[in-house]
N, C-alpha and C. Protein backbone atom coordinates (compact mmCIF):
# COMPACT_ATOMS: atom_id res chain seq x y z
N UNK A 1 110.14 -105.16 120.04
CA UNK A 1 108.99 -105.47 119.27
C UNK A 1 108.50 -104.24 118.60
N UNK A 2 108.30 -104.40 117.42
CA UNK A 2 107.74 -103.27 116.69
C UNK A 2 106.24 -103.45 116.68
N UNK A 3 105.65 -102.62 117.38
CA UNK A 3 104.18 -102.66 117.42
C UNK A 3 103.63 -101.72 116.37
N UNK A 4 102.99 -102.32 115.48
CA UNK A 4 102.37 -101.55 114.41
C UNK A 4 101.01 -101.08 114.91
N UNK A 5 100.81 -99.77 114.92
CA UNK A 5 99.52 -99.29 115.42
C UNK A 5 98.48 -99.43 114.34
N UNK A 6 97.38 -99.91 114.76
CA UNK A 6 96.29 -100.12 113.83
C UNK A 6 95.23 -99.03 114.11
N UNK A 7 94.99 -98.25 113.16
CA UNK A 7 93.93 -97.26 113.30
C UNK A 7 92.81 -97.63 112.34
N UNK A 8 91.71 -97.49 112.86
CA UNK A 8 90.54 -97.78 112.02
C UNK A 8 89.58 -96.61 112.13
N UNK A 9 88.56 -96.68 111.35
CA UNK A 9 87.55 -95.62 111.41
C UNK A 9 86.88 -95.57 112.78
N UNK A 10 86.69 -96.74 113.34
CA UNK A 10 86.02 -96.81 114.63
C UNK A 10 86.85 -96.10 115.70
N UNK A 11 88.12 -96.31 115.77
CA UNK A 11 88.95 -95.66 116.78
C UNK A 11 89.04 -94.16 116.52
N UNK A 12 89.02 -93.78 115.27
CA UNK A 12 89.04 -92.36 114.93
C UNK A 12 87.77 -91.68 115.43
N UNK A 13 86.62 -92.32 115.24
CA UNK A 13 85.34 -91.76 115.69
C UNK A 13 85.27 -91.70 117.21
N UNK A 14 85.80 -92.75 117.87
CA UNK A 14 85.80 -92.75 119.33
C UNK A 14 86.64 -91.60 119.87
N UNK A 15 87.81 -91.40 119.30
CA UNK A 15 88.66 -90.32 119.80
C UNK A 15 88.03 -88.96 119.50
N UNK A 16 87.36 -88.83 118.38
CA UNK A 16 86.67 -87.59 118.06
C UNK A 16 85.54 -87.30 119.02
N UNK A 17 84.81 -88.34 119.43
CA UNK A 17 83.72 -88.19 120.39
C UNK A 17 84.24 -87.79 121.75
N UNK A 18 85.39 -88.37 122.13
CA UNK A 18 85.98 -88.03 123.43
C UNK A 18 86.42 -86.58 123.46
N UNK A 19 86.98 -86.09 122.36
CA UNK A 19 87.43 -84.70 122.29
C UNK A 19 86.24 -83.74 122.23
N UNK A 20 85.17 -84.13 121.53
CA UNK A 20 84.02 -83.25 121.33
C UNK A 20 83.10 -83.18 122.53
N UNK A 21 83.11 -84.17 123.41
CA UNK A 21 82.19 -84.20 124.54
C UNK A 21 82.31 -82.97 125.44
N UNK A 22 83.50 -82.55 125.84
CA UNK A 22 83.58 -81.34 126.70
C UNK A 22 83.07 -80.09 125.99
N UNK A 23 83.29 -79.99 124.71
CA UNK A 23 82.80 -78.83 123.96
C UNK A 23 81.28 -78.82 123.95
N UNK A 24 80.66 -79.98 123.79
CA UNK A 24 79.20 -80.06 123.80
C UNK A 24 78.65 -79.71 125.17
N UNK A 25 79.32 -80.12 126.22
CA UNK A 25 78.85 -79.82 127.58
C UNK A 25 78.92 -78.32 127.85
N UNK A 26 79.95 -77.66 127.36
CA UNK A 26 80.10 -76.22 127.57
C UNK A 26 79.15 -75.44 126.66
N UNK A 27 78.95 -75.88 125.43
CA UNK A 27 78.14 -75.15 124.46
C UNK A 27 76.65 -75.22 124.76
N UNK A 28 76.17 -76.29 125.36
CA UNK A 28 74.74 -76.46 125.59
C UNK A 28 74.17 -75.38 126.50
N UNK A 29 74.75 -75.10 127.67
CA UNK A 29 74.19 -74.00 128.49
C UNK A 29 74.28 -72.64 127.81
N UNK A 30 75.35 -72.41 127.06
CA UNK A 30 75.49 -71.13 126.36
C UNK A 30 74.40 -70.99 125.31
N UNK A 31 74.10 -72.07 124.61
CA UNK A 31 73.05 -72.04 123.60
C UNK A 31 71.70 -71.82 124.26
N UNK A 32 71.46 -72.52 125.38
CA UNK A 32 70.20 -72.35 126.11
C UNK A 32 70.07 -70.92 126.64
N UNK A 33 71.17 -70.36 127.12
CA UNK A 33 71.13 -68.99 127.62
C UNK A 33 70.80 -68.02 126.50
N UNK A 34 71.34 -68.27 125.31
CA UNK A 34 71.03 -67.42 124.16
C UNK A 34 69.57 -67.50 123.77
N UNK A 35 69.02 -68.71 123.81
CA UNK A 35 67.60 -68.89 123.48
C UNK A 35 66.73 -68.24 124.54
N UNK A 36 67.12 -68.36 125.81
CA UNK A 36 66.37 -67.75 126.89
C UNK A 36 66.42 -66.23 126.78
N UNK A 37 67.57 -65.70 126.39
CA UNK A 37 67.72 -64.26 126.22
C UNK A 37 66.80 -63.76 125.11
N UNK A 38 66.68 -64.50 124.01
CA UNK A 38 65.78 -64.11 122.92
C UNK A 38 64.33 -64.13 123.39
N UNK A 39 63.98 -65.13 124.17
CA UNK A 39 62.61 -65.21 124.69
C UNK A 39 62.32 -64.04 125.62
N UNK A 40 63.29 -63.67 126.44
CA UNK A 40 63.11 -62.53 127.34
C UNK A 40 62.99 -61.22 126.57
N UNK A 41 63.80 -61.07 125.54
CA UNK A 41 63.70 -59.85 124.70
C UNK A 41 62.34 -59.75 124.04
N UNK A 42 61.86 -60.88 123.53
CA UNK A 42 60.55 -60.90 122.88
C UNK A 42 59.45 -60.56 123.88
N UNK A 43 59.54 -61.12 125.08
CA UNK A 43 58.55 -60.85 126.12
C UNK A 43 58.57 -59.38 126.53
N UNK A 44 59.78 -58.82 126.66
CA UNK A 44 59.92 -57.41 127.02
C UNK A 44 59.32 -56.51 125.93
N UNK A 45 59.57 -56.85 124.66
CA UNK A 45 59.02 -56.06 123.57
C UNK A 45 57.50 -56.09 123.58
N UNK A 46 56.90 -57.23 123.86
CA UNK A 46 55.44 -57.34 123.93
C UNK A 46 54.89 -56.53 125.11
N UNK A 47 55.59 -56.56 126.23
CA UNK A 47 55.15 -55.77 127.39
C UNK A 47 55.22 -54.27 127.08
N UNK A 48 56.29 -53.85 126.42
CA UNK A 48 56.42 -52.43 126.05
C UNK A 48 55.33 -52.04 125.07
N UNK A 49 55.01 -52.91 124.11
CA UNK A 49 53.93 -52.63 123.16
C UNK A 49 52.59 -52.52 123.89
N UNK A 50 52.34 -53.41 124.83
CA UNK A 50 51.08 -53.36 125.58
C UNK A 50 50.97 -52.07 126.37
N UNK A 51 52.04 -51.64 126.98
CA UNK A 51 52.03 -50.37 127.74
C UNK A 51 51.78 -49.19 126.81
N UNK A 52 52.41 -49.20 125.65
CA UNK A 52 52.22 -48.10 124.69
C UNK A 52 50.77 -48.05 124.21
N UNK A 53 50.17 -49.20 124.01
CA UNK A 53 48.77 -49.25 123.56
C UNK A 53 47.85 -48.77 124.67
N UNK A 54 48.11 -49.16 125.91
CA UNK A 54 47.30 -48.69 127.03
C UNK A 54 47.40 -47.17 127.17
N UNK A 55 48.58 -46.63 127.00
CA UNK A 55 48.78 -45.18 127.06
C UNK A 55 48.03 -44.50 125.93
N UNK A 56 48.10 -45.05 124.74
CA UNK A 56 47.37 -44.51 123.58
C UNK A 56 45.88 -44.51 123.85
N UNK A 57 45.37 -45.56 124.46
CA UNK A 57 43.94 -45.63 124.75
C UNK A 57 43.54 -44.60 125.80
N UNK A 58 44.38 -44.40 126.82
CA UNK A 58 44.08 -43.36 127.82
C UNK A 58 44.07 -41.97 127.17
N UNK A 59 45.00 -41.73 126.25
CA UNK A 59 45.02 -40.45 125.55
C UNK A 59 43.75 -40.28 124.70
N UNK A 60 43.29 -41.36 124.08
CA UNK A 60 42.06 -41.31 123.29
C UNK A 60 40.88 -40.89 124.17
N UNK A 61 40.73 -41.55 125.32
CA UNK A 61 39.62 -41.24 126.22
C UNK A 61 39.70 -39.79 126.70
N UNK A 62 40.90 -39.32 127.03
CA UNK A 62 41.07 -37.94 127.48
C UNK A 62 40.65 -36.95 126.38
N UNK A 63 41.18 -37.12 125.17
CA UNK A 63 40.84 -36.20 124.07
C UNK A 63 39.36 -36.27 123.73
N UNK A 64 38.77 -37.46 123.82
CA UNK A 64 37.34 -37.60 123.53
C UNK A 64 36.52 -36.85 124.57
N UNK A 65 36.87 -37.00 125.84
CA UNK A 65 36.09 -36.38 126.92
C UNK A 65 36.19 -34.86 126.94
N UNK A 66 37.31 -34.30 126.50
CA UNK A 66 37.42 -32.84 126.46
C UNK A 66 37.04 -32.28 125.08
N UNK A 67 36.54 -33.15 124.22
CA UNK A 67 36.07 -32.77 122.87
C UNK A 67 37.17 -32.10 122.05
N UNK A 68 38.38 -32.62 122.14
CA UNK A 68 39.52 -32.12 121.36
C UNK A 68 39.61 -32.91 120.06
N UNK A 69 38.88 -32.46 119.05
CA UNK A 69 38.81 -33.19 117.77
C UNK A 69 40.18 -33.25 117.09
N UNK A 70 40.95 -32.20 117.17
CA UNK A 70 42.26 -32.17 116.52
C UNK A 70 43.22 -33.16 117.20
N UNK A 71 43.27 -33.14 118.52
CA UNK A 71 44.11 -34.08 119.26
C UNK A 71 43.66 -35.51 119.06
N UNK A 72 42.35 -35.70 118.97
CA UNK A 72 41.78 -37.03 118.75
C UNK A 72 42.16 -37.56 117.38
N UNK A 73 42.09 -36.71 116.36
CA UNK A 73 42.41 -37.13 115.00
C UNK A 73 43.88 -37.55 114.87
N UNK A 74 44.76 -36.92 115.66
CA UNK A 74 46.18 -37.26 115.60
C UNK A 74 46.50 -38.65 116.12
N UNK A 75 45.56 -39.27 116.82
CA UNK A 75 45.78 -40.61 117.36
C UNK A 75 45.40 -41.72 116.38
N UNK A 76 44.81 -41.34 115.24
CA UNK A 76 44.28 -42.33 114.31
C UNK A 76 45.13 -42.45 113.05
N UNK A 77 45.13 -43.65 112.50
CA UNK A 77 45.94 -43.94 111.31
C UNK A 77 45.50 -43.10 110.12
N UNK A 78 44.20 -42.87 109.98
CA UNK A 78 43.71 -42.09 108.83
C UNK A 78 43.62 -40.60 109.13
N UNK A 79 43.95 -40.18 110.35
CA UNK A 79 43.95 -38.77 110.69
C UNK A 79 42.58 -38.16 110.91
N UNK A 80 41.55 -38.99 111.07
CA UNK A 80 40.19 -38.49 111.29
C UNK A 80 39.66 -39.01 112.62
N UNK A 81 39.00 -38.15 113.34
CA UNK A 81 38.38 -38.54 114.61
C UNK A 81 37.12 -39.35 114.33
N UNK A 82 36.88 -40.40 115.10
CA UNK A 82 35.72 -41.26 114.83
C UNK A 82 34.44 -40.71 115.45
N UNK A 83 33.34 -41.21 115.01
CA UNK A 83 32.03 -40.92 115.60
C UNK A 83 31.60 -42.20 116.30
N UNK A 84 31.55 -42.15 117.63
CA UNK A 84 31.24 -43.37 118.39
C UNK A 84 29.75 -43.65 118.47
N UNK A 85 28.95 -42.66 118.28
CA UNK A 85 27.51 -42.88 118.35
C UNK A 85 26.80 -41.57 118.66
N UNK A 86 25.52 -41.56 118.40
CA UNK A 86 24.71 -40.37 118.62
C UNK A 86 24.57 -40.08 120.11
N UNK A 87 24.95 -38.88 120.52
CA UNK A 87 24.76 -38.45 121.88
C UNK A 87 25.81 -38.89 122.88
N UNK A 88 26.89 -39.55 122.44
CA UNK A 88 27.93 -39.98 123.36
C UNK A 88 28.72 -38.74 123.76
N UNK A 89 28.65 -38.38 125.05
CA UNK A 89 29.30 -37.16 125.53
C UNK A 89 30.59 -37.43 126.27
N UNK A 90 30.78 -38.64 126.74
CA UNK A 90 31.99 -38.95 127.49
C UNK A 90 32.17 -40.45 127.67
N UNK A 91 33.38 -40.84 128.01
CA UNK A 91 33.72 -42.24 128.25
C UNK A 91 34.47 -42.37 129.56
N UNK A 92 34.21 -43.44 130.27
CA UNK A 92 34.96 -43.77 131.48
C UNK A 92 35.38 -45.22 131.34
N UNK A 93 36.69 -45.46 131.28
CA UNK A 93 37.19 -46.82 131.20
C UNK A 93 37.18 -47.40 132.60
N UNK A 94 36.58 -48.56 132.74
CA UNK A 94 36.47 -49.23 134.04
C UNK A 94 37.81 -49.87 134.38
N UNK A 95 38.57 -49.23 135.25
CA UNK A 95 39.90 -49.72 135.61
C UNK A 95 39.85 -50.99 136.45
N UNK A 96 38.96 -51.06 137.42
CA UNK A 96 38.94 -52.18 138.34
C UNK A 96 38.18 -53.39 137.84
N UNK A 97 37.39 -53.24 136.80
CA UNK A 97 36.53 -54.34 136.36
C UNK A 97 37.33 -55.54 135.87
N UNK A 98 38.08 -55.35 134.84
CA UNK A 98 38.86 -56.43 134.25
C UNK A 98 39.96 -55.81 133.42
N UNK A 99 41.15 -56.32 133.57
CA UNK A 99 42.28 -55.80 132.80
C UNK A 99 42.03 -56.10 131.32
N UNK A 100 42.29 -55.13 130.45
CA UNK A 100 42.06 -55.39 129.03
C UNK A 100 43.04 -56.43 128.51
N UNK A 101 42.54 -57.26 127.63
CA UNK A 101 43.41 -58.25 126.99
C UNK A 101 43.85 -57.67 125.66
N UNK A 102 45.13 -57.38 125.56
CA UNK A 102 45.68 -56.81 124.33
C UNK A 102 46.29 -57.96 123.54
N UNK A 103 45.73 -58.20 122.37
CA UNK A 103 46.20 -59.28 121.52
C UNK A 103 47.10 -58.72 120.43
N UNK A 104 48.35 -59.13 120.43
CA UNK A 104 49.32 -58.70 119.42
C UNK A 104 49.47 -59.79 118.37
N UNK A 105 49.62 -59.39 117.11
CA UNK A 105 49.86 -60.37 116.06
C UNK A 105 51.28 -60.92 116.20
N UNK A 106 51.55 -62.01 115.51
CA UNK A 106 52.86 -62.66 115.61
C UNK A 106 53.99 -61.74 115.16
N UNK A 107 53.74 -60.93 114.13
CA UNK A 107 54.79 -60.03 113.64
C UNK A 107 54.92 -58.76 114.50
N UNK A 108 53.96 -58.54 115.41
CA UNK A 108 54.03 -57.41 116.33
C UNK A 108 53.67 -56.07 115.72
N UNK A 109 53.03 -56.06 114.54
CA UNK A 109 52.69 -54.80 113.88
C UNK A 109 51.22 -54.42 114.01
N UNK A 110 50.40 -55.29 114.54
CA UNK A 110 48.97 -55.02 114.73
C UNK A 110 48.55 -55.55 116.09
N UNK A 111 47.51 -54.95 116.63
CA UNK A 111 47.00 -55.38 117.93
C UNK A 111 45.52 -55.05 118.01
N UNK A 112 44.85 -55.70 118.94
CA UNK A 112 43.46 -55.39 119.22
C UNK A 112 43.22 -55.52 120.72
N UNK A 113 42.24 -54.78 121.22
CA UNK A 113 41.94 -54.80 122.65
C UNK A 113 40.48 -54.46 122.86
N UNK A 114 39.95 -54.97 123.97
CA UNK A 114 38.58 -54.67 124.37
C UNK A 114 38.62 -54.17 125.81
N UNK A 115 38.01 -53.02 126.05
CA UNK A 115 38.01 -52.39 127.37
C UNK A 115 36.57 -52.29 127.87
N UNK A 116 36.37 -52.61 129.14
CA UNK A 116 35.07 -52.37 129.76
C UNK A 116 34.96 -50.88 130.04
N UNK A 117 33.82 -50.28 129.71
CA UNK A 117 33.68 -48.84 129.91
C UNK A 117 32.24 -48.47 130.21
N UNK A 118 32.06 -47.23 130.58
CA UNK A 118 30.74 -46.63 130.73
C UNK A 118 30.69 -45.44 129.79
N UNK A 119 29.64 -45.38 128.99
CA UNK A 119 29.46 -44.25 128.08
C UNK A 119 28.46 -43.28 128.69
N UNK A 120 28.81 -42.02 128.68
CA UNK A 120 27.90 -40.99 129.15
C UNK A 120 27.10 -40.51 127.95
N UNK A 121 25.83 -40.84 127.96
CA UNK A 121 24.95 -40.53 126.83
C UNK A 121 24.12 -39.31 127.19
N UNK A 122 24.15 -38.34 126.28
CA UNK A 122 23.41 -37.10 126.49
C UNK A 122 22.20 -37.10 125.56
N UNK A 123 21.04 -36.95 126.16
CA UNK A 123 19.80 -36.92 125.39
C UNK A 123 19.22 -35.51 125.51
N UNK A 124 19.14 -34.83 124.38
CA UNK A 124 18.65 -33.44 124.36
C UNK A 124 17.17 -33.43 124.72
N UNK A 125 16.81 -32.50 125.61
CA UNK A 125 15.41 -32.36 125.99
C UNK A 125 14.64 -31.71 124.85
N UNK A 126 13.69 -32.43 124.33
CA UNK A 126 12.90 -31.93 123.20
C UNK A 126 11.47 -31.68 123.65
N UNK A 127 10.81 -30.90 122.89
CA UNK A 127 9.42 -30.61 123.20
C UNK A 127 9.25 -29.15 123.58
N UNK A 128 8.02 -28.71 123.53
CA UNK A 128 7.75 -27.31 123.86
C UNK A 128 6.70 -27.18 124.95
N UNK A 129 6.41 -28.25 125.65
CA UNK A 129 5.42 -28.16 126.71
C UNK A 129 6.00 -27.40 127.91
N UNK A 130 5.20 -27.12 128.87
CA UNK A 130 5.57 -26.28 130.00
C UNK A 130 6.71 -26.88 130.80
N UNK A 131 6.70 -28.17 131.01
CA UNK A 131 7.75 -28.83 131.78
C UNK A 131 9.12 -28.68 131.11
N UNK A 132 9.17 -28.84 129.80
CA UNK A 132 10.43 -28.69 129.06
C UNK A 132 10.90 -27.24 129.07
N UNK A 133 9.98 -26.31 128.94
CA UNK A 133 10.35 -24.90 128.98
C UNK A 133 10.93 -24.53 130.34
N UNK A 134 10.35 -25.06 131.41
CA UNK A 134 10.86 -24.79 132.76
C UNK A 134 12.26 -25.38 132.93
N UNK A 135 12.46 -26.56 132.42
CA UNK A 135 13.77 -27.22 132.52
C UNK A 135 14.82 -26.40 131.78
N UNK A 136 14.50 -25.91 130.59
CA UNK A 136 15.45 -25.10 129.83
C UNK A 136 15.76 -23.79 130.53
N UNK A 137 14.75 -23.15 131.13
CA UNK A 137 14.96 -21.89 131.85
C UNK A 137 15.87 -22.09 133.06
N UNK A 138 15.88 -23.29 133.62
CA UNK A 138 16.75 -23.59 134.76
C UNK A 138 18.14 -24.05 134.31
N UNK A 139 18.40 -24.02 133.01
CA UNK A 139 19.72 -24.38 132.48
C UNK A 139 19.87 -25.84 132.09
N UNK A 140 18.81 -26.59 132.14
CA UNK A 140 18.87 -28.00 131.74
C UNK A 140 18.46 -28.14 130.29
N UNK A 141 19.40 -28.48 129.46
CA UNK A 141 19.08 -28.65 128.05
C UNK A 141 19.17 -30.11 127.62
N UNK A 142 19.70 -30.94 128.51
CA UNK A 142 19.85 -32.35 128.15
C UNK A 142 19.83 -33.20 129.41
N UNK A 143 19.50 -34.44 129.19
CA UNK A 143 19.52 -35.44 130.26
C UNK A 143 20.70 -36.37 130.00
N UNK A 144 21.54 -36.58 131.02
CA UNK A 144 22.70 -37.47 130.87
C UNK A 144 22.51 -38.72 131.68
N UNK A 145 22.89 -39.83 131.08
CA UNK A 145 22.84 -41.11 131.78
C UNK A 145 24.06 -41.93 131.39
N UNK A 146 24.42 -42.88 132.24
CA UNK A 146 25.57 -43.74 131.98
C UNK A 146 25.09 -45.12 131.55
N UNK A 147 25.72 -45.62 130.49
CA UNK A 147 25.40 -46.95 130.00
C UNK A 147 26.67 -47.78 129.94
N UNK A 148 26.62 -49.00 130.47
CA UNK A 148 27.81 -49.86 130.38
C UNK A 148 28.01 -50.32 128.94
N UNK A 149 29.25 -50.55 128.60
CA UNK A 149 29.56 -51.02 127.24
C UNK A 149 30.98 -51.51 127.14
N UNK A 150 31.41 -51.76 125.92
CA UNK A 150 32.77 -52.18 125.64
C UNK A 150 33.34 -51.32 124.53
N UNK A 151 34.56 -50.91 124.73
CA UNK A 151 35.29 -50.15 123.74
C UNK A 151 36.23 -51.12 123.04
N UNK A 152 35.99 -51.36 121.75
CA UNK A 152 36.80 -52.31 120.99
C UNK A 152 37.67 -51.54 120.02
N UNK A 153 38.97 -51.82 120.06
CA UNK A 153 39.91 -51.04 119.26
C UNK A 153 40.89 -51.95 118.53
N UNK A 154 41.27 -51.53 117.33
CA UNK A 154 42.33 -52.17 116.56
C UNK A 154 43.44 -51.15 116.38
N UNK A 155 44.67 -51.60 116.56
CA UNK A 155 45.83 -50.72 116.51
C UNK A 155 46.79 -51.20 115.43
N UNK A 156 47.59 -50.26 114.92
CA UNK A 156 48.62 -50.60 113.94
C UNK A 156 49.89 -49.83 114.32
N UNK A 157 51.03 -50.49 114.13
CA UNK A 157 52.31 -49.85 114.44
C UNK A 157 52.79 -49.09 113.21
N UNK A 158 53.15 -47.84 113.44
CA UNK A 158 53.73 -46.98 112.41
C UNK A 158 55.16 -46.66 112.83
N UNK A 159 55.98 -46.12 111.94
CA UNK A 159 57.36 -45.77 112.36
C UNK A 159 57.42 -44.83 113.56
N UNK A 160 56.43 -43.95 113.69
CA UNK A 160 56.42 -43.02 114.83
C UNK A 160 55.80 -43.62 116.09
N UNK A 161 55.23 -44.81 116.00
CA UNK A 161 54.65 -45.48 117.17
C UNK A 161 53.28 -46.06 116.84
N UNK A 162 52.57 -46.48 117.87
CA UNK A 162 51.25 -47.08 117.70
C UNK A 162 50.20 -46.02 117.43
N UNK A 163 49.24 -46.33 116.55
CA UNK A 163 48.09 -45.47 116.27
C UNK A 163 46.84 -46.36 116.23
N UNK A 164 45.71 -45.73 116.40
CA UNK A 164 44.43 -46.46 116.37
C UNK A 164 43.97 -46.58 114.93
N UNK A 165 43.68 -47.79 114.53
CA UNK A 165 43.18 -48.02 113.17
C UNK A 165 41.65 -47.91 113.13
N UNK A 166 41.01 -48.49 114.15
CA UNK A 166 39.55 -48.50 114.19
C UNK A 166 39.13 -48.63 115.65
N UNK A 167 38.05 -47.94 116.02
CA UNK A 167 37.53 -48.05 117.38
C UNK A 167 36.03 -47.96 117.33
N UNK A 168 35.38 -48.75 118.16
CA UNK A 168 33.91 -48.72 118.19
C UNK A 168 33.41 -49.01 119.60
N UNK A 169 32.27 -48.46 119.90
CA UNK A 169 31.64 -48.65 121.19
C UNK A 169 30.53 -49.66 121.00
N UNK A 170 30.60 -50.73 121.78
CA UNK A 170 29.60 -51.79 121.61
C UNK A 170 28.94 -52.18 122.90
């Protein structure tokens, strides 16, 4: 008997599906692994950026507290040290209060953060009465007090790394 084989589009599609099924089973985990790897790389990059910004902020506080205007200016995008307010003599970032939330933009080139801090405010002793004169003779020229506040900063990524775009004490 001569059996004439009948092929149709339907049988062709069925055989194609049977051949393609193992390839799809193997390719799906590989594709998922690739997507997971991209997500991990993105997460790692954001963590590295957050660490770099935290380090930059610690350097800012250090240079501000030792009154190093030149070192302070080098941390800013415009190359100028900021004026945080009249009589601000020092800053203490509150480490244990609350971890700063560093918000990165989608493209990863800008960020902002708010830090809980205490500002050391120096108020110069004014006046010429006897009490003020006695205080000055004893070496007291100013009264220092600590005020709680927030340090709000905006950052921008440059080819050499992160720099502070704007910072204010609120």
